[in-house]
């Protein structure tokens, strides 16, 4: 469960930092940015690790709940 949360969190942090970097590279300046979930060109690189981290987290959660029962 912890490994899944770390993978998901690191992927989200990478996605956040990529959006911040893209905003900072804008020649018109940047006063704020948002996560661009509709940008599939870049997001397609992050989706597999989002899914992997989420799946590992849910699997660990399921095992923890099953062990208590």
Protein backbone atom coordinates (compact mmCIF):
# COMPACT_ATOMS: atom_id res chain seq x y z
CA UNK A 1 0.00 0.00 0.00
CA UNK A 2 2.83 2.39 0.86
CA UNK A 3 4.69 1.63 -2.37
CA UNK A 4 1.58 2.39 -4.39
CA UNK A 5 1.06 5.68 -2.56
CA UNK A 6 4.69 6.66 -3.14
CA UNK A 7 4.50 5.84 -6.87
CA UNK A 8 1.21 7.72 -7.25
CA UNK A 9 2.52 10.70 -5.26
CA UNK A 10 5.80 10.87 -7.18
CA UNK A 11 3.92 10.70 -10.47
CA UNK A 12 1.57 13.48 -9.38
CA UNK A 13 4.54 15.59 -8.26
CA UNK A 14 6.23 15.02 -11.62
CA UNK A 15 3.06 16.01 -13.48
CA UNK A 16 2.73 19.13 -11.31
CA UNK A 17 6.36 20.12 -11.87
CA UNK A 18 6.08 19.52 -15.63
CA UNK A 19 3.12 21.90 -15.80
CA UNK A 20 4.99 24.48 -13.71
CA UNK A 21 8.03 24.17 -15.95
CA UNK A 22 5.92 24.56 -19.09
CA UNK A 23 4.29 27.65 -17.62
CA UNK A 24 7.68 29.11 -16.73
CA UNK A 25 8.97 28.49 -20.26
CA UNK A 26 6.15 30.54 -21.78
CA UNK A 27 7.63 33.61 -23.51
CA UNK A 28 4.59 35.71 -22.55
CA UNK A 29 5.16 35.19 -18.85
CA UNK A 30 3.25 33.17 -16.31
CA UNK A 31 1.37 34.36 -13.25
CA UNK A 32 -0.22 31.03 -12.41
CA UNK A 33 -0.82 27.65 -13.94
CA UNK A 34 -3.24 24.79 -13.79
CA UNK A 35 -2.87 21.08 -14.33
CA UNK A 36 -3.73 20.41 -17.94
CA UNK A 37 -5.50 17.06 -17.80
CA UNK A 38 -6.69 17.47 -21.41
CA UNK A 39 -3.08 17.54 -22.74
CA UNK A 40 -2.72 13.89 -23.73
CA UNK A 41 0.60 14.40 -25.49
CA UNK A 42 2.40 14.78 -22.15
CA UNK A 43 -0.11 13.03 -19.92
CA UNK A 44 0.21 9.75 -21.82
CA UNK A 45 3.65 9.37 -20.24
CA UNK A 46 2.21 9.70 -16.74
CA UNK A 47 -0.98 7.62 -17.04
CA UNK A 48 0.76 4.20 -16.72
CA UNK A 49 2.43 5.16 -13.44
CA UNK A 50 -0.78 6.76 -12.14
CA UNK A 51 -2.57 3.49 -12.85
CA UNK A 52 0.24 1.36 -11.42
CA UNK A 53 0.44 3.42 -8.22
CA UNK A 54 -3.33 3.43 -7.80
CA UNK A 55 -3.57 -0.30 -8.42
CA UNK A 56 -0.79 -1.12 -5.95
CA UNK A 57 -2.38 1.13 -3.34
CA UNK A 58 -5.81 -0.48 -3.77
CA UNK A 59 -4.29 -3.97 -3.72
CA UNK A 60 -2.45 -3.17 -0.49
CA UNK A 61 -5.60 -1.68 1.01
CA UNK A 62 -7.58 -4.78 0.02
CA UNK A 63 -4.96 -7.05 1.62
CA UNK A 64 -4.96 -4.96 4.82
CA UNK A 65 -8.74 -5.09 5.09
CA UNK A 66 -8.79 -8.82 4.33
CA UNK A 67 -6.12 -9.50 6.97
CA UNK A 68 -8.23 -7.78 9.64
CA UNK A 69 -11.30 -9.85 8.83
